[in-house]
């Protein structure tokens, strides 16, 4: 994630401050990762957030994916969507 432009997205104003703080911290962490580690880190974000008592609703998750992947190539976005689909299926099995 090369810049902080995502923080200016007006849709984020609807989100709770503690969630925005978490996202800012997460974005700082992934900005230092090699490109090939960003997608796995993004996928583990929801689990890490839940462990910290932060839960993102489905619409918030969609918004996050849209905002945080805005700088990704179409191929990277497709990979992320595939991983998110698999994660949803696995979560549905375990509940």
PDB file of N, CA and C in Angstrom:
ATOM      1  N   UNK A   1       0.858  -1.163   0.000  1.00  0.00           N
ATOM      2  CA  UNK A   1       0.000   0.000   0.000  1.00  0.00           C
ATOM      3  C   UNK A   1       0.901   1.222   0.000  1.00  0.00           C
ATOM      4  N   UNK A   2       1.093   1.842  -1.139  1.00  0.00           N
ATOM      5  CA  UNK A   2       2.088   2.870  -1.269  1.00  0.00           C
ATOM      6  C   UNK A   2       1.764   4.204  -0.619  1.00  0.00           C
ATOM      7  N   UNK A   3       0.498   4.518  -0.400  1.00  0.00           N
ATOM      8  CA  UNK A   3       0.179   5.820   0.161  1.00  0.00           C
ATOM      9  C   UNK A   3      -0.946   5.703   1.175  1.00  0.00           C
ATOM     10  N   UNK A   4      -1.225   6.815   1.816  1.00  0.00           N
ATOM     11  CA  UNK A   4      -2.302   6.863   2.793  1.00  0.00           C
ATOM     12  C   UNK A   4      -3.584   7.435   2.192  1.00  0.00           C
ATOM     13  N   UNK A   5      -3.696   7.442   0.880  1.00  0.00           N
ATOM     14  CA  UNK A   5      -4.876   7.997   0.224  1.00  0.00           C
ATOM     15  C   UNK A   5      -6.161   7.317   0.663  1.00  0.00           C
ATOM     16  N   UNK A   6      -6.087   6.045   1.024  1.00  0.00           N
ATOM     17  CA  UNK A   6      -7.276   5.315   1.435  1.00  0.00           C
ATOM     18  C   UNK A   6      -7.933   5.956   2.655  1.00  0.00           C
ATOM     19  N   UNK A   7      -7.150   6.626   3.482  1.00  0.00           N
ATOM     20  CA  UNK A   7      -7.689   7.246   4.701  1.00  0.00           C
ATOM     21  C   UNK A   7      -8.651   8.386   4.379  1.00  0.00           C
ATOM     22  N   UNK A   8      -8.578   8.898   3.173  1.00  0.00           N
ATOM     23  CA  UNK A   8      -9.427  10.010   2.775  1.00  0.00           C
ATOM     24  C   UNK A   8     -10.773   9.560   2.205  1.00  0.00           C
ATOM     25  N   UNK A   9     -10.963   8.256   2.078  1.00  0.00           N
ATOM     26  CA  UNK A   9     -12.201   7.741   1.505  1.00  0.00           C
ATOM     27  C   UNK A   9     -13.379   8.141   2.395  1.00  0.00           C
ATOM     28  N   UNK A  10     -14.342   8.869   1.841  1.00  0.00           N
ATOM     29  CA  UNK A  10     -15.462   9.370   2.657  1.00  0.00           C
ATOM     30  C   UNK A  10     -16.330   8.266   3.263  1.00  0.00           C
ATOM     31  N   UNK A  11     -16.315   7.091   2.687  1.00  0.00           N
ATOM     32  CA  UNK A  11     -17.122   5.996   3.228  1.00  0.00           C
ATOM     33  C   UNK A  11     -16.630   5.548   4.606  1.00  0.00           C
ATOM     34  N   UNK A  12     -15.376   5.832   4.909  1.00  0.00           N
ATOM     35  CA  UNK A  12     -14.812   5.424   6.195  1.00  0.00           C
ATOM     36  C   UNK A  12     -15.349   6.251   7.359  1.00  0.00           C
ATOM     37  N   UNK A  13     -15.953   7.387   7.073  1.00  0.00           N
ATOM     38  CA  UNK A  13     -16.480   8.242   8.140  1.00  0.00           C
ATOM     39  C   UNK A  13     -17.608   7.562   8.909  1.00  0.00           C
ATOM     40  N   UNK A  14     -18.212   6.550   8.316  1.00  0.00           N
ATOM     41  CA  UNK A  14     -19.299   5.819   8.962  1.00  0.00           C
ATOM     42  C   UNK A  14     -18.779   4.792   9.973  1.00  0.00           C
ATOM     43  N   UNK A  15     -17.506   4.499   9.934  1.00  0.00           N
ATOM     44  CA  UNK A  15     -16.931   3.441  10.743  1.00  0.00           C
ATOM     45  C   UNK A  15     -16.545   3.953  12.137  1.00  0.00           C
ATOM     46  N   UNK A  16     -16.666   3.070  13.125  1.00  0.00           N
ATOM     47  CA  UNK A  16     -16.309   3.418  14.504  1.00  0.00           C
ATOM     48  C   UNK A  16     -14.825   3.777  14.611  1.00  0.00           C
ATOM     49  N   UNK A  17     -14.501   4.750  15.464  1.00  0.00           N
ATOM     50  CA  UNK A  17     -13.099   5.188  15.597  1.00  0.00           C
ATOM     51  C   UNK A  17     -12.123   4.066  15.947  1.00  0.00           C
ATOM     52  N   UNK A  18     -12.524   3.126  16.812  1.00  0.00           N
ATOM     53  CA  UNK A  18     -11.596   2.051  17.177  1.00  0.00           C
ATOM     54  C   UNK A  18     -11.291   1.154  15.983  1.00  0.00           C
ATOM     55  N   UNK A  19     -12.251   1.005  15.083  1.00  0.00           N
ATOM     56  CA  UNK A  19     -12.019   0.213  13.876  1.00  0.00           C
ATOM     57  C   UNK A  19     -11.073   0.952  12.935  1.00  0.00           C
ATOM     58  N   UNK A  20     -11.250   2.255  12.828  1.00  0.00           N
ATOM     59  CA  UNK A  20     -10.351   3.051  11.983  1.00  0.00           C
ATOM     60  C   UNK A  20      -8.930   3.042  12.534  1.00  0.00           C
ATOM     61  N   UNK A  21      -8.800   3.100  13.859  1.00  0.00           N
ATOM     62  CA  UNK A  21      -7.472   3.025  14.477  1.00  0.00           C
ATOM     63  C   UNK A  21      -6.814   1.688  14.154  1.00  0.00           C
ATOM     64  N   UNK A  22      -7.596   0.614  14.250  1.00  0.00           N
ATOM     65  CA  UNK A  22      -7.072  -0.715  13.942  1.00  0.00           C
ATOM     66  C   UNK A  22      -6.618  -0.767  12.484  1.00  0.00           C
ATOM     67  N   UNK A  23      -7.434  -0.235  11.585  1.00  0.00           N
ATOM     68  CA  UNK A  23      -7.086  -0.245  10.163  1.00  0.00           C
ATOM     69  C   UNK A  23      -5.822   0.547   9.884  1.00  0.00           C
ATOM     70  N   UNK A  24      -5.681   1.683  10.531  1.00  0.00           N
ATOM     71  CA  UNK A  24      -4.484   2.501  10.339  1.00  0.00           C
ATOM     72  C   UNK A  24      -3.240   1.731  10.772  1.00  0.00           C
ATOM     73  N   UNK A  25      -3.336   1.079  11.917  1.00  0.00           N
ATOM     74  CA  UNK A  25      -2.219   0.278  12.406  1.00  0.00           C
ATOM     75  C   UNK A  25      -1.916  -0.869  11.442  1.00  0.00           C
ATOM     76  N   UNK A  26      -2.958  -1.542  10.977  1.00  0.00           N
ATOM     77  CA  UNK A  26      -2.792  -2.646  10.037  1.00  0.00           C
ATOM     78  C   UNK A  26      -2.147  -2.159   8.744  1.00  0.00           C
ATOM     79  N   UNK A  27      -2.623  -1.040   8.229  1.00  0.00           N
ATOM     80  CA  UNK A  27      -2.083  -0.492   6.986  1.00  0.00           C
ATOM     81  C   UNK A  27      -0.599  -0.154   7.138  1.00  0.00           C
ATOM     82  N   UNK A  28      -0.234   0.375   8.299  1.00  0.00           N
ATOM     83  CA  UNK A  28       1.179   0.673   8.551  1.00  0.00           C
ATOM     84  C   UNK A  28       2.016  -0.607   8.527  1.00  0.00           C
ATOM     85  N   UNK A  29       1.468  -1.674   9.117  1.00  0.00           N
ATOM     86  CA  UNK A  29       2.187  -2.946   9.148  1.00  0.00           C
ATOM     87  C   UNK A  29       2.374  -3.522   7.746  1.00  0.00           C
ATOM     88  N   UNK A  30       1.302  -3.534   6.951  1.00  0.00           N
ATOM     89  CA  UNK A  30       1.425  -4.169   5.636  1.00  0.00           C
ATOM     90  C   UNK A  30       2.217  -3.319   4.658  1.00  0.00           C
ATOM     91  N   UNK A  31       2.336  -2.029   4.936  1.00  0.00           N
ATOM     92  CA  UNK A  31       3.124  -1.184   4.035  1.00  0.00           C
ATOM     93  C   UNK A  31       4.597  -1.566   4.063  1.00  0.00           C
ATOM     94  N   UNK A  32       5.007  -2.272   5.106  1.00  0.00           N
ATOM     95  CA  UNK A  32       6.408  -2.676   5.250  1.00  0.00           C
ATOM     96  C   UNK A  32       6.655  -4.100   4.765  1.00  0.00           C
ATOM     97  N   UNK A  33       5.603  -4.794   4.362  1.00  0.00           N
ATOM     98  CA  UNK A  33       5.739  -6.184   3.935  1.00  0.00           C
ATOM     99  C   UNK A  33       6.109  -6.290   2.461  1.00  0.00           C
ATOM    100  N   UNK A  34       6.796  -7.366   2.096  1.00  0.00           N
ATOM    101  CA  UNK A  34       7.006  -7.634   0.671  1.00  0.00           C
ATOM    102  C   UNK A  34       5.640  -7.881   0.016  1.00  0.00           C
ATOM    103  N   UNK A  35       5.542  -7.554  -1.237  1.00  0.00           N
ATOM    104  CA  UNK A  35       4.273  -7.626  -1.960  1.00  0.00           C
ATOM    105  C   UNK A  35       3.588  -8.987  -1.838  1.00  0.00           C
ATOM    106  N   UNK A  36       4.369 -10.072  -1.870  1.00  0.00           N
ATOM    107  CA  UNK A  36       3.767 -11.412  -1.838  1.00  0.00           C
ATOM    108  C   UNK A  36       3.175 -11.764  -0.467  1.00  0.00           C
ATOM    109  N   UNK A  37       3.471 -10.986   0.558  1.00  0.00           N
ATOM    110  CA  UNK A  37       2.924 -11.260   1.891  1.00  0.00           C
ATOM    111  C   UNK A  37       1.700 -10.409   2.226  1.00  0.00           C
ATOM    112  N   UNK A  38       1.350  -9.472   1.372  1.00  0.00           N
ATOM    113  CA  UNK A  38       0.241  -8.570   1.661  1.00  0.00           C
ATOM    114  C   UNK A  38      -1.100  -9.301   1.657  1.00  0.00           C
ATOM    115  N   UNK A  39      -1.343 -10.134   0.664  1.00  0.00           N
ATOM    116  CA  UNK A  39      -2.634 -10.837   0.608  1.00  0.00           C
ATOM    117  C   UNK A  39      -2.839 -11.747   1.821  1.00  0.00           C
ATOM    118  N   UNK A  40      -1.858 -12.576   2.198  1.00  0.00           N
ATOM    119  CA  UNK A  40      -2.076 -13.385   3.403  1.00  0.00           C
ATOM    120  C   UNK A  40      -2.302 -12.523   4.651  1.00  0.00           C
ATOM    121  N   UNK A  41      -1.594 -11.407   4.753  1.00  0.00           N
ATOM    122  CA  UNK A  41      -1.770 -10.520   5.912  1.00  0.00           C
ATOM    123  C   UNK A  41      -3.180  -9.934   5.912  1.00  0.00           C
ATOM    124  N   UNK A  42      -3.654  -9.547   4.760  1.00  0.00           N
ATOM    125  CA  UNK A  42      -5.004  -8.992   4.651  1.00  0.00           C
ATOM    126  C   UNK A  42      -6.038 -10.030   5.084  1.00  0.00           C
ATOM    127  N   UNK A  43      -5.821 -11.274   4.668  1.00  0.00           N
ATOM    128  CA  UNK A  43      -6.768 -12.327   5.008  1.00  0.00           C
ATOM    129  C   UNK A  43      -6.757 -12.630   6.509  1.00  0.00           C
ATOM    130  N   UNK A  44      -5.634 -12.496   7.156  1.00  0.00           N
ATOM    131  CA  UNK A  44      -5.571 -12.784   8.588  1.00  0.00           C
ATOM    132  C   UNK A  44      -6.034 -11.600   9.435  1.00  0.00           C
ATOM    133  N   UNK A  45      -6.234 -10.449   8.820  1.00  0.00           N
ATOM    134  CA  UNK A  45      -6.630  -9.256   9.553  1.00  0.00           C
ATOM    135  C   UNK A  45      -7.927  -9.464  10.323  1.00  0.00           C
ATOM    136  N   UNK A  46      -8.923 -10.066   9.711  1.00  0.00           N
ATOM    137  CA  UNK A  46     -10.221 -10.233  10.358  1.00  0.00           C
ATOM    138  C   UNK A  46     -10.095 -11.122  11.608  1.00  0.00           C
ATOM    139  N   UNK A  47      -9.285 -12.171  11.528  1.00  0.00           N
ATOM    140  CA  UNK A  47      -9.076 -13.060  12.676  1.00  0.00           C
ATOM    141  C   UNK A  47      -8.373 -12.296  13.793  1.00  0.00           C
ATOM    142  N   UNK A  48      -7.335 -11.557  13.436  1.00  0.00           N
ATOM    143  CA  UNK A  48      -6.599 -10.777  14.423  1.00  0.00           C
ATOM    144  C   UNK A  48      -7.500  -9.737  15.082  1.00  0.00           C
ATOM    145  N   UNK A  49      -8.316  -9.079  14.282  1.00  0.00           N
ATOM    146  CA  UNK A  49      -9.235  -8.065  14.817  1.00  0.00           C
ATOM    147  C   UNK A  49     -10.211  -8.711  15.798  1.00  0.00           C
ATOM    148  N   UNK A  50     -10.755  -9.863  15.438  1.00  0.00           N
ATOM    149  CA  UNK A  50     -11.705 -10.560  16.309  1.00  0.00           C
ATOM    150  C   UNK A  50     -11.053 -10.920  17.644  1.00  0.00           C
ATOM    151  N   UNK A  51      -9.796 -11.328  17.603  1.00  0.00           N
ATOM    152  CA  UNK A  51      -9.079 -11.660  18.838  1.00  0.00           C
ATOM    153  C   UNK A  51      -8.919 -10.429  19.735  1.00  0.00           C
ATOM    154  N   UNK A  52      -8.937  -9.258  19.109  1.00  0.00           N
ATOM    155  CA  UNK A  52      -8.814  -8.006  19.862  1.00  0.00           C
ATOM    156  C   UNK A  52     -10.176  -7.405  20.188  1.00  0.00           C
ATOM    157  N   UNK A  53     -11.237  -8.158  19.892  1.00  0.00           N
ATOM    158  CA  UNK A  53     -12.591  -7.685  20.193  1.00  0.00           C
ATOM    159  C   UNK A  53     -13.158  -6.731  19.167  1.00  0.00           C
ATOM    160  N   UNK A  54     -12.539  -6.664  18.010  1.00  0.00           N
ATOM    161  CA  UNK A  54     -13.026  -5.786  16.934  1.00  0.00           C
ATOM    162  C   UNK A  54     -13.664  -6.663  15.868  1.00  0.00           C
ATOM    163  N   UNK A  55     -14.926  -6.409  15.584  1.00  0.00           N
ATOM    164  CA  UNK A  55     -15.642  -7.207  14.589  1.00  0.00           C
ATOM    165  C   UNK A  55     -16.124  -6.295  13.464  1.00  0.00           C
ATOM    166  N   UNK A  56     -15.828  -6.714  12.251  1.00  0.00           N
ATOM    167  CA  UNK A  56     -16.271  -5.972  11.080  1.00  0.00           C
ATOM    168  C   UNK A  56     -17.490  -6.678  10.490  1.00  0.00           C
ATOM    169  N   UNK A  57     -18.542  -5.918  10.231  1.00  0.00           N
ATOM    170  CA  UNK A  57     -19.739  -6.474   9.605  1.00  0.00           C
ATOM    171  C   UNK A  57     -19.423  -6.805   8.143  1.00  0.00           C
ATOM    172  N   UNK A  58     -20.306  -7.558   7.497  1.00  0.00           N
ATOM    173  CA  UNK A  58     -20.094  -7.874   6.081  1.00  0.00           C
ATOM    174  C   UNK A  58     -19.970  -6.609   5.227  1.00  0.00           C
ATOM    175  N   UNK A  59     -20.865  -5.611   5.406  1.00  0.00           N
ATOM    176  CA  UNK A  59     -20.693  -4.376   4.609  1.00  0.00           C
ATOM    177  C   UNK A  59     -19.379  -3.662   4.905  1.00  0.00           C
ATOM    178  N   UNK A  60     -18.943  -3.669   6.176  1.00  0.00           N
ATOM    179  CA  UNK A  60     -17.663  -3.042   6.513  1.00  0.00           C
ATOM    180  C   UNK A  60     -16.506  -3.799   5.875  1.00  0.00           C
ATOM    181  N   UNK A  61     -16.603  -5.124   5.853  1.00  0.00           N
ATOM    182  CA  UNK A  61     -15.556  -5.933   5.232  1.00  0.00           C
ATOM    183  C   UNK A  61     -15.474  -5.642   3.739  1.00  0.00           C
ATOM    184  N   UNK A  62     -16.625  -5.514   3.092  1.00  0.00           N
ATOM    185  CA  UNK A  62     -16.645  -5.169   1.668  1.00  0.00           C
ATOM    186  C   UNK A  62     -16.017  -3.799   1.438  1.00  0.00           C
ATOM    187  N   UNK A  63     -16.351  -2.854   2.298  1.00  0.00           N
ATOM    188  CA  UNK A  63     -15.775  -1.516   2.202  1.00  0.00           C
ATOM    189  C   UNK A  63     -14.265  -1.562   2.391  1.00  0.00           C
ATOM    190  N   UNK A  64     -13.810  -2.299   3.384  1.00  0.00           N
ATOM    191  CA  UNK A  64     -12.372  -2.418   3.632  1.00  0.00           C
ATOM    192  C   UNK A  64     -11.649  -3.017   2.440  1.00  0.00           C
ATOM    193  N   UNK A  65     -12.225  -4.070   1.887  1.00  0.00           N
ATOM    194  CA  UNK A  65     -11.601  -4.702   0.725  1.00  0.00           C
ATOM    195  C   UNK A  65     -11.503  -3.703  -0.418  1.00  0.00           C
ATOM    196  N   UNK A  66     -12.565  -2.951  -0.627  1.00  0.00           N
ATOM    197  CA  UNK A  66     -12.573  -1.961  -1.704  1.00  0.00           C
ATOM    198  C   UNK A  66     -11.530  -0.875  -1.483  1.00  0.00           C
ATOM    199  N   UNK A  67     -11.492  -0.342  -0.276  1.00  0.00           N
ATOM    200  CA  UNK A  67     -10.577   0.759   0.028  1.00  0.00           C
ATOM    201  C   UNK A  67      -9.128   0.291   0.060  1.00  0.00           C
ATOM    202  N   UNK A  68      -8.865  -0.802   0.777  1.00  0.00           N
ATOM    203  CA  UNK A  68      -7.480  -1.235   0.976  1.00  0.00           C
ATOM    204  C   UNK A  68      -6.859  -1.888  -0.250  1.00  0.00           C
ATOM    205  N   UNK A  69      -7.680  -2.333  -1.190  1.00  0.00           N
ATOM    206  CA  UNK A  69      -7.135  -2.954  -2.396  1.00  0.00           C
ATOM    207  C   UNK A  69      -7.146  -2.011  -3.593  1.00  0.00           C
ATOM    208  N   UNK A  70      -7.472  -0.771  -3.369  1.00  0.00           N
ATOM    209  CA  UNK A  70      -7.590   0.165  -4.492  1.00  0.00           C
ATOM    210  C   UNK A  70      -6.299   0.286  -5.295  1.00  0.00           C
ATOM    211  N   UNK A  71      -5.156   0.050  -4.665  1.00  0.00           N
ATOM    212  CA  UNK A  71      -3.890   0.144  -5.380  1.00  0.00           C
ATOM    213  C   UNK A  71      -3.399  -1.167  -5.963  1.00  0.00           C
ATOM    214  N   UNK A  72      -4.173  -2.226  -5.790  1.00  0.00           N
ATOM    215  CA  UNK A  72      -3.753  -3.534  -6.291  1.00  0.00           C
ATOM    216  C   UNK A  72      -4.107  -3.717  -7.758  1.00  0.00           C
ATOM    217  N   UNK A  73      -3.351  -4.576  -8.394  1.00  0.00           N
ATOM    218  CA  UNK A  73      -3.650  -4.907  -9.791  1.00  0.00           C
ATOM    219  C   UNK A  73      -4.909  -5.769  -9.840  1.00  0.00           C
ATOM    220  N   UNK A  74      -5.561  -5.869 -11.002  1.00  0.00           N
ATOM    221  CA  UNK A  74      -6.731  -6.746 -11.130  1.00  0.00           C
ATOM    222  C   UNK A  74      -6.433  -8.192 -10.744  1.00  0.00           C
ATOM    223  N   UNK A  75      -5.257  -8.690 -11.069  1.00  0.00           N
ATOM    224  CA  UNK A  75      -4.898 -10.069 -10.722  1.00  0.00           C
ATOM    225  C   UNK A  75      -4.797 -10.241  -9.209  1.00  0.00           C
ATOM    226  N   UNK A  76      -4.208  -9.261  -8.520  1.00  0.00           N
ATOM    227  CA  UNK A  76      -4.101  -9.325  -7.067  1.00  0.00           C
ATOM    228  C   UNK A  76      -5.483  -9.259  -6.417  1.00  0.00           C
ATOM    229  N   UNK A  77      -6.343  -8.396  -6.948  1.00  0.00           N
ATOM    230  CA  UNK A  77      -7.703  -8.295  -6.420  1.00  0.00           C
ATOM    231  C   UNK A  77      -8.453  -9.611  -6.606  1.00  0.00           C
ATOM    232  N   UNK A  78      -8.250 -10.265  -7.744  1.00  0.00           N
ATOM    233  CA  UNK A  78      -8.909 -11.547  -7.997  1.00  0.00           C
ATOM    234  C   UNK A  78      -8.433 -12.601  -7.003  1.00  0.00           C
ATOM    235  N   UNK A  79      -7.138 -12.623  -6.720  1.00  0.00           N
ATOM    236  CA  UNK A  79      -6.604 -13.556  -5.729  1.00  0.00           C
ATOM    237  C   UNK A  79      -7.248 -13.309  -4.368  1.00  0.00           C
ATOM    238  N   UNK A  80      -7.355 -12.047  -3.989  1.00  0.00           N
ATOM    239  CA  UNK A  80      -7.947 -11.702  -2.706  1.00  0.00           C
ATOM    240  C   UNK A  80      -9.406 -12.151  -2.650  1.00  0.00           C
ATOM    241  N   UNK A  81     -10.140 -11.912  -3.706  1.00  0.00           N
ATOM    242  CA  UNK A  81     -11.544 -12.332  -3.746  1.00  0.00           C
ATOM    243  C   UNK A  81     -11.663 -13.846  -3.603  1.00  0.00           C
ATOM    244  N   UNK A  82     -10.784 -14.578  -4.248  1.00  0.00           N
ATOM    245  CA  UNK A  82     -10.799 -16.039  -4.145  1.00  0.00           C
ATOM    246  C   UNK A  82     -10.514 -16.464  -2.705  1.00  0.00           C
ATOM    247  N   UNK A  83      -9.522 -15.854  -2.081  1.00  0.00           N
ATOM    248  CA  UNK A  83      -9.199 -16.174  -0.692  1.00  0.00           C
ATOM    249  C   UNK A  83     -10.354 -15.820   0.242  1.00  0.00           C
ATOM    250  N   UNK A  84     -10.993 -14.708   0.008  1.00  0.00           N
ATOM    251  CA  UNK A  84     -12.132 -14.298   0.840  1.00  0.00           C
ATOM    252  C   UNK A  84     -13.290 -15.276   0.680  1.00  0.00           C
ATOM    253  N   UNK A  85     -13.520 -15.739  -0.531  1.00  0.00           N
ATOM    254  CA  UNK A  85     -14.581 -16.713  -0.784  1.00  0.00           C
ATOM    255  C   UNK A  85     -14.307 -18.007  -0.024  1.00  0.00           C
ATOM    256  N   UNK A  86     -13.088 -18.473  -0.098  1.00  0.00           N
ATOM    257  CA  UNK A  86     -12.704 -19.711   0.602  1.00  0.00           C
ATOM    258  C   UNK A  86     -12.852 -19.515   2.115  1.00  0.00           C
ATOM    259  N   UNK A  87     -12.401 -18.388   2.615  1.00  0.00           N
ATOM    260  CA  UNK A  87     -12.489 -18.113   4.039  1.00  0.00           C
ATOM    261  C   UNK A  87     -13.946 -18.093   4.505  1.00  0.00           C
ATOM    262  N   UNK A  88     -14.827 -17.505   3.703  1.00  0.00           N
ATOM    263  CA  UNK A  88     -16.246 -17.480   4.051  1.00  0.00           C
ATOM    264  C   UNK A  88     -16.822 -18.885   4.117  1.00  0.00           C
ATOM    265  N   UNK A  89     -16.462 -19.712   3.150  1.00  0.00           N
ATOM    266  CA  UNK A  89     -16.945 -21.100   3.117  1.00  0.00           C
ATOM    267  C   UNK A  89     -16.456 -21.866   4.340  1.00  0.00           C
ATOM    268  N   UNK A  90     -15.195 -21.689   4.684  1.00  0.00           N
ATOM    269  CA  UNK A  90     -14.650 -22.372   5.850  1.00  0.00           C
ATOM    270  C   UNK A  90     -15.305 -21.879   7.146  1.00  0.00           C
ATOM    271  N   UNK A  91     -15.556 -20.592   7.228  1.00  0.00           N
ATOM    272  CA  UNK A  91     -16.207 -20.029   8.420  1.00  0.00           C
ATOM    273  C   UNK A  91     -17.629 -20.569   8.550  1.00  0.00           C
ATOM    274  N   UNK A  92     -18.328 -20.721   7.427  1.00  0.00           N
ATOM    275  CA  UNK A  92     -19.689 -21.225   7.464  1.00  0.00           C
ATOM    276  C   UNK A  92     -19.722 -22.682   7.922  1.00  0.00           C
ATOM    277  N   UNK A  93     -18.719 -23.451   7.572  1.00  0.00           N
ATOM    278  CA  UNK A  93     -18.642 -24.852   7.994  1.00  0.00           C
ATOM    279  C   UNK A  93     -18.437 -24.984   9.491  1.00  0.00           C
ATOM    280  N   UNK A  94     -17.624 -24.089  10.045  1.00  0.00           N
ATOM    281  CA  UNK A  94     -17.275 -24.231  11.452  1.00  0.00           C
ATOM    282  C   UNK A  94     -18.311 -23.611  12.388  1.00  0.00           C
ATOM    283  N   UNK A  95     -19.302 -22.921  11.853  1.00  0.00           N
ATOM    284  CA  UNK A  95     -20.299 -22.328  12.741  1.00  0.00           C
ATOM    285  C   UNK A  95     -21.535 -23.162  12.855  1.00  0.00           C
TER     286      UNK A  95
END
